[in-house]
Amino acid sequence: MREKKYLFEKLFNEDVDKSIKDLLELLLTERISAILQKRKALEDTQKDKQEIRFREWDRIVNEHCPEITKENQEFLDWIVASQGQETEEFYLYGLIDGIRIMQRIMWV
C-alpha cells in the first residue's frame, strides 16, 4: 500500500522528470494503440462472419424460393423510385422557393 502511495506521489509530483512523463505518455499511447488494433481486428472478423452468413442466406433463398427474391426486388425497386420522386419534389419546391425569394429581393 505504501508503495502505491509513494509511486502516485512520485509520478504526479511537480518534481517528476520530464523524461519520466514522456516515457509514461509513450507507454500509455502504445498500450491504447495495441488495444484499439485488437478491437479493430475483432470487429473486422465479425463483419466478415456476418457477410458470409448473409451470402449463405441469400444463396439458400435464391435456390429454394426464387419468387420471394423477385417480390423483394420489386419492393426494393418501388422504395427507391418513391424515394427518388420525393427527393425530386423537394428539390423542385426548393428551386421554386428560391426563385420567389429572388423575385422579392429584385422587386424591393
PDB file of N, CA and C in Angstrom:
ATOM      1  N   MET A   1       0.818  -1.193   0.000  1.00  0.00           N
ATOM      2  CA  MET A   1       0.000   0.000   0.000  1.00  0.00           C
ATOM      3  C   MET A   1       0.861   1.256   0.000  1.00  0.00           C
ATOM      4  N   ARG A   2       1.928   1.240   0.791  1.00  0.00           N
ATOM      5  CA  ARG A   2       2.834   2.377   0.845  1.00  0.00           C
ATOM      6  C   ARG A   2       3.484   2.623  -0.509  1.00  0.00           C
ATOM      7  N   GLU A   3       3.790   1.516  -1.175  1.00  0.00           N
ATOM      8  CA  GLU A   3       4.459   1.645  -2.469  1.00  0.00           C
ATOM      9  C   GLU A   3       3.564   2.349  -3.481  1.00  0.00           C
ATOM     10  N   LYS A   4       2.292   2.005  -3.490  1.00  0.00           N
ATOM     11  CA  LYS A   4       1.362   2.660  -4.406  1.00  0.00           C
ATOM     12  C   LYS A   4       1.263   4.157  -4.105  1.00  0.00           C
ATOM     13  N   LYS A   5       1.181   4.476  -2.816  1.00  0.00           N
ATOM     14  CA  LYS A   5       1.081   5.879  -2.442  1.00  0.00           C
ATOM     15  C   LYS A   5       2.349   6.623  -2.852  1.00  0.00           C
ATOM     16  N   TYR A   6       3.495   6.013  -2.601  1.00  0.00           N
ATOM     17  CA  TYR A   6       4.763   6.639  -2.971  1.00  0.00           C
ATOM     18  C   TYR A   6       4.854   6.812  -4.494  1.00  0.00           C
ATOM     19  N   LEU A   7       4.463   5.779  -5.209  1.00  0.00           N
ATOM     20  CA  LEU A   7       4.508   5.847  -6.665  1.00  0.00           C
ATOM     21  C   LEU A   7       3.579   6.937  -7.183  1.00  0.00           C
ATOM     22  N   PHE A   8       2.397   7.009  -6.610  1.00  0.00           N
ATOM     23  CA  PHE A   8       1.434   8.034  -7.018  1.00  0.00           C
ATOM     24  C   PHE A   8       2.009   9.429  -6.764  1.00  0.00           C
ATOM     25  N   GLU A   9       2.553   9.629  -5.571  1.00  0.00           N
ATOM     26  CA  GLU A   9       3.131  10.932  -5.249  1.00  0.00           C
ATOM     27  C   GLU A   9       4.320  11.240  -6.144  1.00  0.00           C
ATOM     28  N   LYS A  10       5.101  10.234  -6.429  1.00  0.00           N
ATOM     29  CA  LYS A  10       6.285  10.426  -7.251  1.00  0.00           C
ATOM     30  C   LYS A  10       5.912  10.759  -8.696  1.00  0.00           C
ATOM     31  N   LEU A  11       4.907  10.066  -9.223  1.00  0.00           N
ATOM     32  CA  LEU A  11       4.527  10.282 -10.619  1.00  0.00           C
ATOM     33  C   LEU A  11       3.812  11.605 -10.831  1.00  0.00           C
ATOM     34  N   PHE A  12       2.998  12.005  -9.877  1.00  0.00           N
ATOM     35  CA  PHE A  12       2.190  13.198 -10.078  1.00  0.00           C
ATOM     36  C   PHE A  12       2.712  14.409  -9.328  1.00  0.00           C
ATOM     37  N   ASN A  13       3.892  14.289  -8.789  1.00  0.00           N
ATOM     38  CA  ASN A  13       4.550  15.413  -8.152  1.00  0.00           C
ATOM     39  C   ASN A  13       5.115  16.324  -9.231  1.00  0.00           C
ATOM     40  N   GLU A  14       5.207  17.580  -8.959  1.00  0.00           N
ATOM     41  CA  GLU A  14       5.714  18.501  -9.958  1.00  0.00           C
ATOM     42  C   GLU A  14       7.215  18.340 -10.169  1.00  0.00           C
ATOM     43  N   ASP A  15       7.883  17.662  -9.269  1.00  0.00           N
ATOM     44  CA  ASP A  15       9.324  17.475  -9.391  1.00  0.00           C
ATOM     45  C   ASP A  15       9.680  16.306 -10.300  1.00  0.00           C
ATOM     46  N   VAL A  16       8.697  15.636 -10.870  1.00  0.00           N
ATOM     47  CA  VAL A  16       8.942  14.474 -11.715  1.00  0.00           C
ATOM     48  C   VAL A  16       9.677  14.926 -12.966  1.00  0.00           C
ATOM     49  N   ASP A  17      10.648  14.128 -13.336  1.00  0.00           N
ATOM     50  CA  ASP A  17      11.425  14.430 -14.546  1.00  0.00           C
ATOM     51  C   ASP A  17      10.520  14.484 -15.762  1.00  0.00           C
ATOM     52  N   LYS A  18      10.871  15.343 -16.680  1.00  0.00           N
ATOM     53  CA  LYS A  18      10.125  15.408 -17.939  1.00  0.00           C
ATOM     54  C   LYS A  18      10.299  14.116 -18.717  1.00  0.00           C
ATOM     55  N   SER A  19      11.451  13.490 -18.611  1.00  0.00           N
ATOM     56  CA  SER A  19      11.691  12.242 -19.337  1.00  0.00           C
ATOM     57  C   SER A  19      10.784  11.125 -18.835  1.00  0.00           C
ATOM     58  N   ILE A  20      10.497  11.104 -17.536  1.00  0.00           N
ATOM     59  CA  ILE A  20       9.608  10.084 -16.982  1.00  0.00           C
ATOM     60  C   ILE A  20       8.184  10.321 -17.483  1.00  0.00           C
ATOM     61  N   LYS A  21       7.756  11.581 -17.510  1.00  0.00           N
ATOM     62  CA  LYS A  21       6.429  11.899 -18.018  1.00  0.00           C
ATOM     63  C   LYS A  21       6.310  11.496 -19.486  1.00  0.00           C
ATOM     64  N   ASP A  22       7.337  11.808 -20.268  1.00  0.00           N
ATOM     65  CA  ASP A  22       7.329  11.443 -21.681  1.00  0.00           C
ATOM     66  C   ASP A  22       7.274   9.933 -21.863  1.00  0.00           C
ATOM     67  N   LEU A  23       8.045   9.210 -21.039  1.00  0.00           N
ATOM     68  CA  LEU A  23       8.038   7.756 -21.114  1.00  0.00           C
ATOM     69  C   LEU A  23       6.662   7.184 -20.784  1.00  0.00           C
ATOM     70  N   LEU A  24       6.021   7.718 -19.748  1.00  0.00           N
ATOM     71  CA  LEU A  24       4.679   7.256 -19.387  1.00  0.00           C
ATOM     72  C   LEU A  24       3.679   7.554 -20.504  1.00  0.00           C
ATOM     73  N   GLU A  25       3.777   8.722 -21.107  1.00  0.00           N
ATOM     74  CA  GLU A  25       2.884   9.050 -22.215  1.00  0.00           C
ATOM     75  C   GLU A  25       3.082   8.087 -23.376  1.00  0.00           C
ATOM     76  N   LEU A  26       4.332   7.770 -23.682  1.00  0.00           N
ATOM     77  CA  LEU A  26       4.614   6.827 -24.762  1.00  0.00           C
ATOM     78  C   LEU A  26       4.073   5.436 -24.457  1.00  0.00           C
ATOM     79  N   LEU A  27       4.258   4.985 -23.218  1.00  0.00           N
ATOM     80  CA  LEU A  27       3.756   3.669 -22.832  1.00  0.00           C
ATOM     81  C   LEU A  27       2.232   3.608 -22.917  1.00  0.00           C
ATOM     82  N   LEU A  28       1.576   4.647 -22.423  1.00  0.00           N
ATOM     83  CA  LEU A  28       0.118   4.684 -22.487  1.00  0.00           C
ATOM     84  C   LEU A  28      -0.370   4.729 -23.928  1.00  0.00           C
ATOM     85  N   THR A  29       0.276   5.525 -24.748  1.00  0.00           N
ATOM     86  CA  THR A  29      -0.110   5.612 -26.151  1.00  0.00           C
ATOM     87  C   THR A  29       0.064   4.281 -26.850  1.00  0.00           C
ATOM     88  N   GLU A  30       1.168   3.621 -26.586  1.00  0.00           N
ATOM     89  CA  GLU A  30       1.424   2.315 -27.204  1.00  0.00           C
ATOM     90  C   GLU A  30       0.395   1.285 -26.760  1.00  0.00           C
ATOM     91  N   ARG A  31       0.071   1.291 -25.488  1.00  0.00           N
ATOM     92  CA  ARG A  31      -0.894   0.324 -24.955  1.00  0.00           C
ATOM     93  C   ARG A  31      -2.289   0.559 -25.534  1.00  0.00           C
ATOM     94  N   ILE A  32      -2.705   1.814 -25.590  1.00  0.00           N
ATOM     95  CA  ILE A  32      -4.015   2.134 -26.152  1.00  0.00           C
ATOM     96  C   ILE A  32      -4.066   1.752 -27.624  1.00  0.00           C
ATOM     97  N   SER A  33      -2.986   2.010 -28.335  1.00  0.00           N
ATOM     98  CA  SER A  33      -2.928   1.650 -29.752  1.00  0.00           C
ATOM     99  C   SER A  33      -3.055   0.134 -29.938  1.00  0.00           C
ATOM    100  N   ALA A  34      -2.382  -0.633 -29.103  1.00  0.00           N
ATOM    101  CA  ALA A  34      -2.471  -2.092 -29.200  1.00  0.00           C
ATOM    102  C   ALA A  34      -3.895  -2.580 -28.920  1.00  0.00           C
ATOM    103  N   ILE A  35      -4.539  -1.990 -27.931  1.00  0.00           N
ATOM    104  CA  ILE A  35      -5.911  -2.371 -27.601  1.00  0.00           C
ATOM    105  C   ILE A  35      -6.845  -2.042 -28.766  1.00  0.00           C
ATOM    106  N   LEU A  36      -6.690  -0.869 -29.350  1.00  0.00           N
ATOM    107  CA  LEU A  36      -7.541  -0.480 -30.476  1.00  0.00           C
ATOM    108  C   LEU A  36      -7.315  -1.370 -31.694  1.00  0.00           C
ATOM    109  N   GLN A  37      -6.077  -1.777 -31.934  1.00  0.00           N
ATOM    110  CA  GLN A  37      -5.793  -2.689 -33.050  1.00  0.00           C
ATOM    111  C   GLN A  37      -6.464  -4.038 -32.835  1.00  0.00           C
ATOM    112  N   LYS A  38      -6.419  -4.545 -31.609  1.00  0.00           N
ATOM    113  CA  LYS A  38      -7.079  -5.816 -31.320  1.00  0.00           C
ATOM    114  C   LYS A  38      -8.590  -5.699 -31.509  1.00  0.00           C
ATOM    115  N   ARG A  39      -9.153  -4.597 -31.035  1.00  0.00           N
ATOM    116  CA  ARG A  39     -10.591  -4.388 -31.168  1.00  0.00           C
ATOM    117  C   ARG A  39     -10.995  -4.277 -32.640  1.00  0.00           C
ATOM    118  N   LYS A  40     -10.201  -3.566 -33.432  1.00  0.00           N
ATOM    119  CA  LYS A  40     -10.499  -3.427 -34.853  1.00  0.00           C
ATOM    120  C   LYS A  40     -10.420  -4.776 -35.565  1.00  0.00           C
ATOM    121  N   ALA A  41      -9.419  -5.580 -35.223  1.00  0.00           N
ATOM    122  CA  ALA A  41      -9.291  -6.906 -35.827  1.00  0.00           C
ATOM    123  C   ALA A  41     -10.506  -7.771 -35.475  1.00  0.00           C
ATOM    124  N   LEU A  42     -10.965  -7.686 -34.234  1.00  0.00           N
ATOM    125  CA  LEU A  42     -12.137  -8.445 -33.805  1.00  0.00           C
ATOM    126  C   LEU A  42     -13.386  -7.980 -34.556  1.00  0.00           C
ATOM    127  N   GLU A  43     -13.551  -6.670 -34.707  1.00  0.00           N
ATOM    128  CA  GLU A  43     -14.709  -6.148 -35.444  1.00  0.00           C
ATOM    129  C   GLU A  43     -14.661  -6.579 -36.906  1.00  0.00           C
ATOM    130  N   ASP A  44     -13.462  -6.578 -37.498  1.00  0.00           N
ATOM    131  CA  ASP A  44     -13.330  -6.994 -38.893  1.00  0.00           C
ATOM    132  C   ASP A  44     -13.712  -8.456 -39.072  1.00  0.00           C
ATOM    133  N   THR A  45     -13.293  -9.313 -38.150  1.00  0.00           N
ATOM    134  CA  THR A  45     -13.661 -10.725 -38.266  1.00  0.00           C
ATOM    135  C   THR A  45     -15.165 -10.914 -38.082  1.00  0.00           C
ATOM    136  N   GLN A  46     -15.763 -10.135 -37.191  1.00  0.00           N
ATOM    137  CA  GLN A  46     -17.215 -10.229 -37.003  1.00  0.00           C
ATOM    138  C   GLN A  46     -17.949  -9.765 -38.255  1.00  0.00           C
ATOM    139  N   LYS A  47     -17.459  -8.703 -38.887  1.00  0.00           N
ATOM    140  CA  LYS A  47     -18.080  -8.237 -40.129  1.00  0.00           C
ATOM    141  C   LYS A  47     -17.949  -9.292 -41.215  1.00  0.00           C
ATOM    142  N   ASP A  48     -16.784  -9.938 -41.282  1.00  0.00           N
ATOM    143  CA  ASP A  48     -16.591 -10.991 -42.272  1.00  0.00           C
ATOM    144  C   ASP A  48     -17.547 -12.149 -42.043  1.00  0.00           C
ATOM    145  N   LYS A  49     -17.733 -12.535 -40.782  1.00  0.00           N
ATOM    146  CA  LYS A  49     -18.652 -13.621 -40.462  1.00  0.00           C
ATOM    147  C   LYS A  49     -20.088 -13.247 -40.840  1.00  0.00           C
ATOM    148  N   GLN A  50     -20.475 -12.010 -40.555  1.00  0.00           N
ATOM    149  CA  GLN A  50     -21.820 -11.567 -40.915  1.00  0.00           C
ATOM    150  C   GLN A  50     -22.000 -11.556 -42.426  1.00  0.00           C
ATOM    151  N   GLU A  51     -20.985 -11.137 -43.150  1.00  0.00           N
ATOM    152  CA  GLU A  51     -21.061 -11.119 -44.606  1.00  0.00           C
ATOM    153  C   GLU A  51     -21.201 -12.537 -45.159  1.00  0.00           C
ATOM    154  N   ILE A  52     -20.462 -13.476 -44.593  1.00  0.00           N
ATOM    155  CA  ILE A  52     -20.549 -14.870 -45.034  1.00  0.00           C
ATOM    156  C   ILE A  52     -21.943 -15.423 -44.751  1.00  0.00           C
ATOM    157  N   ARG A  53     -22.479 -15.123 -43.550  1.00  0.00           N
ATOM    158  CA  ARG A  53     -23.823 -15.584 -43.218  1.00  0.00           C
ATOM    159  C   ARG A  53     -24.857 -14.996 -44.167  1.00  0.00           C
ATOM    160  N   PHE A  54     -24.733 -13.716 -44.477  1.00  0.00           N
ATOM    161  CA  PHE A  54     -25.680 -13.081 -45.388  1.00  0.00           C
ATOM    162  C   PHE A  54     -25.607 -13.711 -46.765  1.00  0.00           C
ATOM    163  N   ARG A  55     -24.408 -13.929 -47.274  1.00  0.00           N
ATOM    164  CA  ARG A  55     -24.246 -14.539 -48.605  1.00  0.00           C
ATOM    165  C   ARG A  55     -24.861 -15.943 -48.632  1.00  0.00           C
ATOM    166  N   GLU A  56     -24.637 -16.701 -47.569  1.00  0.00           N
ATOM    167  CA  GLU A  56     -25.191 -18.056 -47.492  1.00  0.00           C
ATOM    168  C   GLU A  56     -26.719 -18.014 -47.464  1.00  0.00           C
ATOM    169  N   TRP A  57     -27.277 -17.116 -46.653  1.00  0.00           N
ATOM    170  CA  TRP A  57     -28.727 -16.975 -46.576  1.00  0.00           C
ATOM    171  C   TRP A  57     -29.294 -16.559 -47.932  1.00  0.00           C
ATOM    172  N   ASP A  58     -28.634 -15.616 -48.581  1.00  0.00           N
ATOM    173  CA  ASP A  58     -29.081 -15.147 -49.887  1.00  0.00           C
ATOM    174  C   ASP A  58     -29.054 -16.287 -50.909  1.00  0.00           C
ATOM    175  N   ARG A  59     -28.024 -17.088 -50.861  1.00  0.00           N
ATOM    176  CA  ARG A  59     -27.911 -18.219 -51.794  1.00  0.00           C
ATOM    177  C   ARG A  59     -29.033 -19.231 -51.553  1.00  0.00           C
ATOM    178  N   ILE A  60     -29.306 -19.534 -50.294  1.00  0.00           N
ATOM    179  CA  ILE A  60     -30.351 -20.504 -49.963  1.00  0.00           C
ATOM    180  C   ILE A  60     -31.724 -19.995 -50.404  1.00  0.00           C
ATOM    181  N   VAL A  61     -32.003 -18.725 -50.134  1.00  0.00           N
ATOM    182  CA  VAL A  61     -33.294 -18.163 -50.536  1.00  0.00           C
ATOM    183  C   VAL A  61     -33.423 -18.176 -52.056  1.00  0.00           C
ATOM    184  N   ASN A  62     -32.366 -17.806 -52.760  1.00  0.00           N
ATOM    185  CA  ASN A  62     -32.415 -17.809 -54.225  1.00  0.00           C
ATOM    186  C   ASN A  62     -32.642 -19.215 -54.787  1.00  0.00           C
ATOM    187  N   GLU A  63     -32.060 -20.208 -54.152  1.00  0.00           N
ATOM    188  CA  GLU A  63     -32.217 -21.584 -54.635  1.00  0.00           C
ATOM    189  C   GLU A  63     -33.609 -22.138 -54.365  1.00  0.00           C
ATOM    190  N   HIS A  64     -34.133 -21.911 -53.162  1.00  0.00           N
ATOM    191  CA  HIS A  64     -35.375 -22.562 -52.750  1.00  0.00           C
ATOM    192  C   HIS A  64     -36.630 -21.730 -53.007  1.00  0.00           C
ATOM    193  N   CYS A  65     -36.514 -20.420 -52.979  1.00  0.00           N
ATOM    194  CA  CYS A  65     -37.698 -19.574 -53.147  1.00  0.00           C
ATOM    195  C   CYS A  65     -37.390 -18.392 -54.066  1.00  0.00           C
ATOM    196  N   PRO A  66     -37.223 -18.637 -55.347  1.00  0.00           N
ATOM    197  CA  PRO A  66     -36.901 -17.518 -56.247  1.00  0.00           C
ATOM    198  C   PRO A  66     -38.021 -16.485 -56.346  1.00  0.00           C
ATOM    199  N   GLU A  67     -39.272 -16.891 -56.086  1.00  0.00           N
ATOM    200  CA  GLU A  67     -40.376 -15.933 -56.148  1.00  0.00           C
ATOM    201  C   GLU A  67     -40.274 -14.888 -55.044  1.00  0.00           C
ATOM    202  N   ILE A  68     -39.751 -15.293 -53.874  1.00  0.00           N
ATOM    203  CA  ILE A  68     -39.566 -14.332 -52.782  1.00  0.00           C
ATOM    204  C   ILE A  68     -38.513 -13.304 -53.180  1.00  0.00           C
ATOM    205  N   THR A  69     -37.458 -13.786 -53.811  1.00  0.00           N
ATOM    206  CA  THR A  69     -36.398 -12.880 -54.255  1.00  0.00           C
ATOM    207  C   THR A  69     -36.942 -11.866 -55.251  1.00  0.00           C
ATOM    208  N   LYS A  70     -37.778 -12.338 -56.178  1.00  0.00           N
ATOM    209  CA  LYS A  70     -38.354 -11.443 -57.179  1.00  0.00           C
ATOM    210  C   LYS A  70     -39.265 -10.421 -56.525  1.00  0.00           C
ATOM    211  N   GLU A  71     -40.112 -10.849 -55.582  1.00  0.00           N
ATOM    212  CA  GLU A  71     -41.015  -9.932 -54.888  1.00  0.00           C
ATOM    213  C   GLU A  71     -40.229  -8.896 -54.077  1.00  0.00           C
ATOM    214  N   ASN A  72     -39.185  -9.363 -53.397  1.00  0.00           N
ATOM    215  CA  ASN A  72     -38.362  -8.440 -52.615  1.00  0.00           C
ATOM    216  C   ASN A  72     -37.687  -7.412 -53.515  1.00  0.00           C
ATOM    217  N   GLN A  73     -37.184  -7.859 -54.658  1.00  0.00           N
ATOM    218  CA  GLN A  73     -36.532  -6.946 -55.590  1.00  0.00           C
ATOM    219  C   GLN A  73     -37.507  -5.907 -56.122  1.00  0.00           C
ATOM    220  N   GLU A  74     -38.726  -6.336 -56.443  1.00  0.00           N
ATOM    221  CA  GLU A  74     -39.752  -5.397 -56.903  1.00  0.00           C
ATOM    222  C   GLU A  74     -40.093  -4.385 -55.815  1.00  0.00           C
ATOM    223  N   PHE A  75     -40.198  -4.855 -54.582  1.00  0.00           N
ATOM    224  CA  PHE A  75     -40.487  -3.959 -53.465  1.00  0.00           C
ATOM    225  C   PHE A  75     -39.365  -2.942 -53.270  1.00  0.00           C
ATOM    226  N   LEU A  76     -38.126  -3.409 -53.320  1.00  0.00           N
ATOM    227  CA  LEU A  76     -36.992  -2.504 -53.168  1.00  0.00           C
ATOM    228  C   LEU A  76     -36.933  -1.488 -54.307  1.00  0.00           C
ATOM    229  N   ASP A  77     -37.234  -1.942 -55.515  1.00  0.00           N
ATOM    230  CA  ASP A  77     -37.272  -1.013 -56.656  1.00  0.00           C
ATOM    231  C   ASP A  77     -38.337   0.059 -56.439  1.00  0.00           C
ATOM    232  N   TRP A  78     -39.503  -0.339 -55.914  1.00  0.00           N
ATOM    233  CA  TRP A  78     -40.570   0.615 -55.631  1.00  0.00           C
ATOM    234  C   TRP A  78     -40.128   1.631 -54.582  1.00  0.00           C
ATOM    235  N   ILE A  79     -39.457   1.161 -53.529  1.00  0.00           N
ATOM    236  CA  ILE A  79     -38.977   2.067 -52.479  1.00  0.00           C
ATOM    237  C   ILE A  79     -37.994   3.077 -53.059  1.00  0.00           C
ATOM    238  N   VAL A  80     -37.054   2.611 -53.873  1.00  0.00           N
ATOM    239  CA  VAL A  80     -36.059   3.503 -54.470  1.00  0.00           C
ATOM    240  C   VAL A  80     -36.740   4.524 -55.375  1.00  0.00           C
ATOM    241  N   ALA A  81     -37.716   4.088 -56.171  1.00  0.00           N
ATOM    242  CA  ALA A  81     -38.410   5.004 -57.075  1.00  0.00           C
ATOM    243  C   ALA A  81     -39.182   6.065 -56.295  1.00  0.00           C
ATOM    244  N   SER A  82     -39.897   5.653 -55.245  1.00  0.00           N
ATOM    245  CA  SER A  82     -40.667   6.628 -54.471  1.00  0.00           C
ATOM    246  C   SER A  82     -39.738   7.591 -53.736  1.00  0.00           C
ATOM    247  N   GLN A  83     -38.609   7.089 -53.254  1.00  0.00           N
ATOM    248  CA  GLN A  83     -37.632   7.949 -52.581  1.00  0.00           C
ATOM    249  C   GLN A  83     -37.057   8.961 -53.566  1.00  0.00           C
ATOM    250  N   GLY A  84     -36.787   8.510 -54.791  1.00  0.00           N
ATOM    251  CA  GLY A  84     -36.281   9.414 -55.816  1.00  0.00           C
ATOM    252  C   GLY A  84     -37.305  10.476 -56.181  1.00  0.00           C
ATOM    253  N   GLN A  85     -38.561  10.085 -56.243  1.00  0.00           N
ATOM    254  CA  GLN A  85     -39.634  11.029 -56.561  1.00  0.00           C
ATOM    255  C   GLN A  85     -39.757  12.081 -55.457  1.00  0.00           C
ATOM    256  N   GLU A  86     -39.678  11.661 -54.201  1.00  0.00           N
ATOM    257  CA  GLU A  86     -39.744  12.612 -53.089  1.00  0.00           C
ATOM    258  C   GLU A  86     -38.577  13.581 -53.142  1.00  0.00           C
ATOM    259  N   THR A  87     -37.400  13.062 -53.395  1.00  0.00           N
ATOM    260  CA  THR A  87     -36.216  13.920 -53.480  1.00  0.00           C
ATOM    261  C   THR A  87     -36.366  14.938 -54.605  1.00  0.00           C
ATOM    262  N   GLU A  88     -36.881  14.497 -55.737  1.00  0.00           N
ATOM    263  CA  GLU A  88     -37.097  15.399 -56.868  1.00  0.00           C
ATOM    264  C   GLU A  88     -38.099  16.490 -56.506  1.00  0.00           C
ATOM    265  N   GLU A  89     -39.182  16.120 -55.814  1.00  0.00           N
ATOM    266  CA  GLU A  89     -40.186  17.107 -55.421  1.00  0.00           C
ATOM    267  C   GLU A  89     -39.605  18.134 -54.453  1.00  0.00           C
ATOM    268  N   PHE A  90     -38.820  17.668 -53.467  1.00  0.00           N
ATOM    269  CA  PHE A  90     -38.191  18.603 -52.537  1.00  0.00           C
ATOM    270  C   PHE A  90     -37.252  19.556 -53.278  1.00  0.00           C
ATOM    271  N   TYR A  91     -36.499  19.029 -54.207  1.00  0.00           N
ATOM    272  CA  TYR A  91     -35.579  19.843 -54.984  1.00  0.00           C
ATOM    273  C   TYR A  91     -36.357  20.909 -55.770  1.00  0.00           C
ATOM    274  N   LEU A  92     -37.433  20.495 -56.440  1.00  0.00           N
ATOM    275  CA  LEU A  92     -38.221  21.447 -57.230  1.00  0.00           C
ATOM    276  C   LEU A  92     -38.871  22.504 -56.345  1.00  0.00           C
ATOM    277  N   TYR A  93     -39.432  22.081 -55.194  1.00  0.00           N
ATOM    278  CA  TYR A  93     -40.027  23.062 -54.286  1.00  0.00           C
ATOM    279  C   TYR A  93     -38.971  24.040 -53.781  1.00  0.00           C
ATOM    280  N   GLY A  94     -37.798  23.552 -53.493  1.00  0.00           N
ATOM    281  CA  GLY A  94     -36.711  24.428 -53.055  1.00  0.00           C
ATOM    282  C   GLY A  94     -36.303  25.401 -54.151  1.00  0.00           C
ATOM    283  N   LEU A  95     -36.268  24.912 -55.379  1.00  0.00           N
ATOM    284  CA  LEU A  95     -35.933  25.769 -56.511  1.00  0.00           C
ATOM    285  C   LEU A  95     -37.004  26.850 -56.703  1.00  0.00           C
ATOM    286  N   ILE A  96     -38.261  26.452 -56.609  1.00  0.00           N
ATOM    287  CA  ILE A  96     -39.366  27.423 -56.748  1.00  0.00           C
ATOM    288  C   ILE A  96     -39.303  28.462 -55.635  1.00  0.00           C
ATOM    289  N   ASP A  97     -39.063  28.026 -54.390  1.00  0.00           N
ATOM    290  CA  ASP A  97     -38.943  28.976 -53.284  1.00  0.00           C
ATOM    291  C   ASP A  97     -37.771  29.925 -53.504  1.00  0.00           C
ATOM    292  N   GLY A  98     -36.672  29.411 -54.016  1.00  0.00           N
ATOM    293  CA  GLY A  98     -35.513  30.255 -54.294  1.00  0.00           C
ATOM    294  C   GLY A  98     -35.823  31.305 -55.339  1.00  0.00           C
ATOM    295  N   ILE A  99     -36.557  30.919 -56.362  1.00  0.00           N
ATOM    296  CA  ILE A  99     -36.947  31.875 -57.407  1.00  0.00           C
ATOM    297  C   ILE A  99     -37.867  32.945 -56.819  1.00  0.00           C
ATOM    298  N   ARG A 100     -38.823  32.555 -55.978  1.00  0.00           N
ATOM    299  CA  ARG A 100     -39.723  33.531 -55.337  1.00  0.00           C
ATOM    300  C   ARG A 100     -38.940  34.526 -54.488  1.00  0.00           C
ATOM    301  N   ILE A 101     -37.995  34.011 -53.713  1.00  0.00           N
ATOM    302  CA  ILE A 101     -37.189  34.901 -52.863  1.00  0.00           C
ATOM    303  C   ILE A 101     -36.388  35.856 -53.733  1.00  0.00           C
ATOM    304  N   MET A 102     -35.806  35.349 -54.800  1.00  0.00           N
ATOM    305  CA  MET A 102     -35.021  36.186 -55.697  1.00  0.00           C
ATOM    306  C   MET A 102     -35.907  37.282 -56.307  1.00  0.00           C
ATOM    307  N   GLN A 103     -37.120  36.918 -56.703  1.00  0.00           N
ATOM    308  CA  GLN A 103     -38.037  37.911 -57.290  1.00  0.00           C
ATOM    309  C   GLN A 103     -38.396  38.986 -56.265  1.00  0.00           C
ATOM    310  N   ARG A 104     -38.644  38.588 -55.029  1.00  0.00           N
ATOM    311  CA  ARG A 104     -38.993  39.573 -53.995  1.00  0.00           C
ATOM    312  C   ARG A 104     -37.815  40.500 -53.725  1.00  0.00           C
ATOM    313  N   ILE A 105     -36.618  39.953 -53.709  1.00  0.00           N
ATOM    314  CA  ILE A 105     -35.434  40.789 -53.471  1.00  0.00           C
ATOM    315  C   ILE A 105     -35.248  41.769 -54.632  1.00  0.00           C
ATOM    316  N   MET A 106     -35.443  41.283 -55.845  1.00  0.00           N
ATOM    317  CA  MET A 106     -35.240  42.149 -57.013  1.00  0.00           C
ATOM    318  C   MET A 106     -36.303  43.236 -57.115  1.00  0.00           C
ATOM    319  N   TRP A 107     -37.530  42.994 -56.628  1.00  0.00           N
ATOM    320  CA  TRP A 107     -38.615  43.954 -56.758  1.00  0.00           C
ATOM    321  C   TRP A 107     -38.635  44.950 -55.601  1.00  0.00           C
ATOM    322  N   VAL A 108     -37.873  44.704 -54.598  1.00  0.00           N
ATOM    323  CA  VAL A 108     -37.899  45.617 -53.428  1.00  0.00           C
ATOM    324  C   VAL A 108     -37.098  46.838 -53.669  1.00  0.00           C
TER     325      VAL A 108
END
